[in-house]
Amino acid sequence: MRFERELVFVKTDIISKEDVVEFLGRRLVEAGAVEPGYVEAMHVREREFGTYITDGIAIPHGTEKSRDMVKKAAVAAVKLPQGIEWLPGKTVYLAFGIAGNNDDHVALLGWLATFLMDPAQKEKLLAADTADALFSHLDAANDA
């Protein structure tokens, strides 16, 4: 999986999980990865099932029905140094918005989940204080 530098961010002005989902979805639209309707499908997925996956990390994505709105596989990443309460008592510091069709979707989720369960990798990502540093760690993982 390849990360694109223009889809990696550090944001301190986001105040809710809805804002995180909206931000990531809009970045995927701007990148030409998804149609605008995919953003609402990301919100629907979050309301129906939730995308919090592990301590400090969420992976917002669209519903199964929204996969026809995906033009190309892509991942947008945002580091939230201030943390956002995702669920009661569960704070997210890193969120990945993903877009993929069928096999791409499953592959993206699987790769991210496996990568993020590695404590050393997760620690590096959570320690990154700039978008460039975050991208550098993600990009290095592409080559691993």
C-alpha atoms as a PDB file:
ATOM      1  CA  MET A   1       0.000   0.000   0.000  1.00  0.00           C
ATOM      2  CA  ARG A   2       1.312   3.441  -0.920  1.00  0.00           C
ATOM      3  CA  PHE A   3       0.632   6.537   1.117  1.00  0.00           C
ATOM      4  CA  GLU A   4       0.555   9.886  -0.654  1.00  0.00           C
ATOM      5  CA  ARG A   5       2.144  12.831   1.166  1.00  0.00           C
ATOM      6  CA  GLU A   6      -0.759  15.141   0.275  1.00  0.00           C
ATOM      7  CA  LEU A   7      -3.130  12.798   2.164  1.00  0.00           C
ATOM      8  CA  VAL A   8      -1.229  12.857   5.484  1.00  0.00           C
ATOM      9  CA  PHE A   9      -2.047  15.536   8.065  1.00  0.00           C
ATOM     10  CA  VAL A  10      -1.601  16.687  11.642  1.00  0.00           C
ATOM     11  CA  LYS A  11      -4.618  18.686  12.827  1.00  0.00           C
ATOM     12  CA  THR A  12      -5.215  20.438  16.142  1.00  0.00           C
ATOM     13  CA  ASP A  13      -8.440  22.241  15.212  1.00  0.00           C
ATOM     14  CA  ILE A  14     -10.720  19.205  14.839  1.00  0.00           C
ATOM     15  CA  ILE A  15     -13.045  18.815  17.829  1.00  0.00           C
ATOM     16  CA  SER A  16     -15.293  15.795  17.158  1.00  0.00           C
ATOM     17  CA  LYS A  17     -15.276  12.387  15.510  1.00  0.00           C
ATOM     18  CA  GLU A  18     -17.844  13.702  13.001  1.00  0.00           C
ATOM     19  CA  ASP A  19     -15.352  16.421  12.059  1.00  0.00           C
ATOM     20  CA  VAL A  20     -12.613  13.796  11.671  1.00  0.00           C
ATOM     21  CA  VAL A  21     -14.778  11.668   9.370  1.00  0.00           C
ATOM     22  CA  GLU A  22     -15.781  14.746   7.352  1.00  0.00           C
ATOM     23  CA  PHE A  23     -12.174  15.947   7.085  1.00  0.00           C
ATOM     24  CA  LEU A  24     -10.862  12.569   5.903  1.00  0.00           C
ATOM     25  CA  GLY A  25     -13.756  12.057   3.500  1.00  0.00           C
ATOM     26  CA  ARG A  26     -13.282  15.493   1.932  1.00  0.00           C
ATOM     27  CA  ARG A  27      -9.564  14.816   1.461  1.00  0.00           C
ATOM     28  CA  LEU A  28     -10.427  11.572  -0.386  1.00  0.00           C
ATOM     29  CA  VAL A  29     -12.844  13.511  -2.615  1.00  0.00           C
ATOM     30  CA  GLU A  30     -10.203  16.179  -3.339  1.00  0.00           C
ATOM     31  CA  ALA A  31      -7.706  13.447  -4.230  1.00  0.00           C
ATOM     32  CA  GLY A  32     -10.129  12.087  -6.831  1.00  0.00           C
ATOM     33  CA  ALA A  33     -10.410   8.768  -4.986  1.00  0.00           C
ATOM     34  CA  VAL A  34     -14.146   8.919  -4.273  1.00  0.00           C
ATOM     35  CA  GLU A  35     -17.333  10.653  -5.326  1.00  0.00           C
ATOM     36  CA  PRO A  36     -18.739  13.250  -2.891  1.00  0.00           C
ATOM     37  CA  GLY A  37     -21.515  10.882  -1.734  1.00  0.00           C
ATOM     38  CA  TYR A  38     -18.888   8.616  -0.190  1.00  0.00           C
ATOM     39  CA  VAL A  39     -18.381  11.129   2.636  1.00  0.00           C
ATOM     40  CA  GLU A  40     -21.967  10.657   3.846  1.00  0.00           C
ATOM     41  CA  ALA A  41     -21.512   6.881   3.562  1.00  0.00           C
ATOM     42  CA  MET A  42     -18.525   7.221   5.917  1.00  0.00           C
ATOM     43  CA  HIS A  43     -20.769   8.991   8.430  1.00  0.00           C
ATOM     44  CA  VAL A  44     -23.416   6.270   8.044  1.00  0.00           C
ATOM     45  CA  ARG A  45     -20.810   3.538   8.674  1.00  0.00           C
ATOM     46  CA  GLU A  46     -19.623   5.352  11.777  1.00  0.00           C
ATOM     47  CA  ARG A  47     -23.141   5.699  13.167  1.00  0.00           C
ATOM     48  CA  GLU A  48     -24.092   2.078  12.412  1.00  0.00           C
ATOM     49  CA  PHE A  49     -20.963   0.133  13.331  1.00  0.00           C
ATOM     50  CA  GLY A  50     -18.183   2.427  14.527  1.00  0.00           C
ATOM     51  CA  THR A  51     -14.633   2.311  13.264  1.00  0.00           C
ATOM     52  CA  TYR A  52     -12.602   2.481  16.469  1.00  0.00           C
ATOM     53  CA  ILE A  53     -10.210  -0.473  16.114  1.00  0.00           C
ATOM     54  CA  THR A  54      -7.605  -0.314  18.852  1.00  0.00           C
ATOM     55  CA  ASP A  55      -6.274   1.930  21.569  1.00  0.00           C
ATOM     56  CA  GLY A  56      -6.078   5.408  20.047  1.00  0.00           C
ATOM     57  CA  ILE A  57      -6.871   4.504  16.427  1.00  0.00           C
ATOM     58  CA  ALA A  58      -9.921   4.586  14.144  1.00  0.00           C
ATOM     59  CA  ILE A  59     -10.346   3.656  10.483  1.00  0.00           C
ATOM     60  CA  PRO A  60     -13.380   5.489   9.074  1.00  0.00           C
ATOM     61  CA  HIS A  61     -14.621   4.109   5.755  1.00  0.00           C
ATOM     62  CA  GLY A  62     -17.790   3.911   3.707  1.00  0.00           C
ATOM     63  CA  THR A  63     -20.533   1.333   3.725  1.00  0.00           C
ATOM     64  CA  GLU A  64     -20.495  -1.739   1.522  1.00  0.00           C
ATOM     65  CA  LYS A  65     -23.105  -0.100  -0.720  1.00  0.00           C
ATOM     66  CA  SER A  66     -20.871   2.938  -1.207  1.00  0.00           C
ATOM     67  CA  ARG A  67     -18.017   1.017  -2.795  1.00  0.00           C
ATOM     68  CA  ASP A  68     -19.344   1.883  -6.256  1.00  0.00           C
ATOM     69  CA  MET A  69     -18.493   5.518  -5.404  1.00  0.00           C
ATOM     70  CA  VAL A  70     -14.799   4.633  -5.117  1.00  0.00           C
ATOM     71  CA  LYS A  71     -12.766   5.658  -8.155  1.00  0.00           C
ATOM     72  CA  LYS A  72      -9.396   4.434  -6.876  1.00  0.00           C
ATOM     73  CA  ALA A  73      -7.965   2.958  -3.686  1.00  0.00           C
ATOM     74  CA  ALA A  74      -6.609   5.584  -1.303  1.00  0.00           C
ATOM     75  CA  VAL A  75      -5.899   6.282   2.351  1.00  0.00           C
ATOM     76  CA  ALA A  76      -5.998   9.664   4.095  1.00  0.00           C
ATOM     77  CA  ALA A  77      -4.332   9.844   7.515  1.00  0.00           C
ATOM     78  CA  VAL A  78      -4.686  12.422  10.267  1.00  0.00           C
ATOM     79  CA  LYS A  79      -2.823  12.679  13.571  1.00  0.00           C
ATOM     80  CA  LEU A  80      -4.859  14.351  16.315  1.00  0.00           C
ATOM     81  CA  PRO A  81      -2.380  15.378  19.041  1.00  0.00           C
ATOM     82  CA  GLN A  82      -5.154  16.671  21.288  1.00  0.00           C
ATOM     83  CA  GLY A  83      -7.137  13.435  20.962  1.00  0.00           C
ATOM     84  CA  ILE A  84     -10.813  13.111  20.086  1.00  0.00           C
ATOM     85  CA  GLU A  85     -13.288  11.148  22.176  1.00  0.00           C
ATOM     86  CA  TRP A  86     -14.520   8.504  19.736  1.00  0.00           C
ATOM     87  CA  LEU A  87     -16.508   6.396  22.150  1.00  0.00           C
ATOM     88  CA  PRO A  88     -17.138   6.967  25.842  1.00  0.00           C
ATOM     89  CA  GLY A  89     -13.733   6.552  27.482  1.00  0.00           C
ATOM     90  CA  LYS A  90     -12.008   5.864  24.123  1.00  0.00           C
ATOM     91  CA  THR A  91      -9.794   8.592  22.668  1.00  0.00           C
ATOM     92  CA  VAL A  92      -8.448   8.570  19.101  1.00  0.00           C
ATOM     93  CA  TYR A  93      -5.100  10.135  18.237  1.00  0.00           C
ATOM     94  CA  LEU A  94      -4.740   8.711  14.750  1.00  0.00           C
ATOM     95  CA  ALA A  95      -7.414   8.145  12.117  1.00  0.00           C
ATOM     96  CA  PHE A  96      -7.194   6.654   8.641  1.00  0.00           C
ATOM     97  CA  GLY A  97      -9.940   7.279   6.089  1.00  0.00           C
ATOM     98  CA  ILE A  98      -9.914   4.499   3.531  1.00  0.00           C
ATOM     99  CA  ALA A  99     -11.498   4.025   0.136  1.00  0.00           C
ATOM    100  CA  GLY A 100     -11.333   0.806  -1.826  1.00  0.00           C
ATOM    101  CA  ASN A 101     -13.419  -1.430  -4.055  1.00  0.00           C
ATOM    102  CA  ASN A 102     -14.127  -4.987  -2.951  1.00  0.00           C
ATOM    103  CA  ASP A 103     -10.689  -6.675  -2.760  1.00  0.00           C
ATOM    104  CA  ASP A 104      -8.893  -3.326  -2.359  1.00  0.00           C
ATOM    105  CA  HIS A 105     -11.129  -2.462   0.594  1.00  0.00           C
ATOM    106  CA  VAL A 106     -10.418  -5.721   2.401  1.00  0.00           C
ATOM    107  CA  ALA A 107      -6.700  -5.492   1.615  1.00  0.00           C
ATOM    108  CA  LEU A 108      -6.466  -1.906   2.910  1.00  0.00           C
ATOM    109  CA  LEU A 109      -8.285  -2.740   6.133  1.00  0.00           C
ATOM    110  CA  GLY A 110      -6.218  -5.879   6.665  1.00  0.00           C
ATOM    111  CA  TRP A 111      -2.872  -4.185   6.033  1.00  0.00           C
ATOM    112  CA  LEU A 112      -3.703  -1.236   8.284  1.00  0.00           C
ATOM    113  CA  ALA A 113      -5.052  -3.414  11.087  1.00  0.00           C
ATOM    114  CA  THR A 114      -1.963  -5.643  11.031  1.00  0.00           C
ATOM    115  CA  PHE A 115       0.425  -2.679  10.799  1.00  0.00           C
ATOM    116  CA  LEU A 116      -1.292  -0.783  13.614  1.00  0.00           C
ATOM    117  CA  MET A 117      -1.293  -3.770  15.968  1.00  0.00           C
ATOM    118  CA  ASP A 118       2.523  -3.677  15.967  1.00  0.00           C
ATOM    119  CA  PRO A 119       3.373  -1.721  19.152  1.00  0.00           C
ATOM    120  CA  ALA A 120       6.660  -0.359  17.739  1.00  0.00           C
ATOM    121  CA  GLN A 121       5.016   0.951  14.567  1.00  0.00           C
ATOM    122  CA  LYS A 122       2.106   2.413  16.477  1.00  0.00           C
ATOM    123  CA  GLU A 123       4.476   4.161  18.899  1.00  0.00           C
ATOM    124  CA  LYS A 124       6.383   5.776  16.000  1.00  0.00           C
ATOM    125  CA  LEU A 125       3.168   7.052  14.450  1.00  0.00           C
ATOM    126  CA  LEU A 126       1.814   8.406  17.720  1.00  0.00           C
ATOM    127  CA  ALA A 127       5.148  10.162  18.406  1.00  0.00           C
ATOM    128  CA  ALA A 128       5.194  11.936  15.017  1.00  0.00           C
ATOM    129  CA  ASP A 129       4.646  15.641  15.586  1.00  0.00           C
ATOM    130  CA  THR A 130       4.494  16.856  11.987  1.00  0.00           C
ATOM    131  CA  ALA A 131       2.771  15.644   8.842  1.00  0.00           C
ATOM    132  CA  ASP A 132       6.179  15.065   7.250  1.00  0.00           C
ATOM    133  CA  ALA A 133       7.293  12.865  10.161  1.00  0.00           C
ATOM    134  CA  LEU A 134       4.018  10.933  10.070  1.00  0.00           C
ATOM    135  CA  PHE A 135       4.329  10.426   6.313  1.00  0.00           C
ATOM    136  CA  SER A 136       7.960   9.316   6.705  1.00  0.00           C
ATOM    137  CA  HIS A 137       6.932   6.522   9.111  1.00  0.00           C
ATOM    138  CA  LEU A 138       4.006   5.461   6.926  1.00  0.00           C
ATOM    139  CA  ASP A 139       6.113   5.551   3.779  1.00  0.00           C
ATOM    140  CA  ALA A 140       8.842   3.464   5.426  1.00  0.00           C
ATOM    141  CA  ALA A 141       6.189   0.863   6.284  1.00  0.00           C
ATOM    142  CA  ASN A 142       5.376   0.619   2.569  1.00  0.00           C
ATOM    143  CA  ASP A 143       8.885  -0.635   1.948  1.00  0.00           C
ATOM    144  CA  ALA A 144       8.988  -3.041   4.877  1.00  0.00           C
END
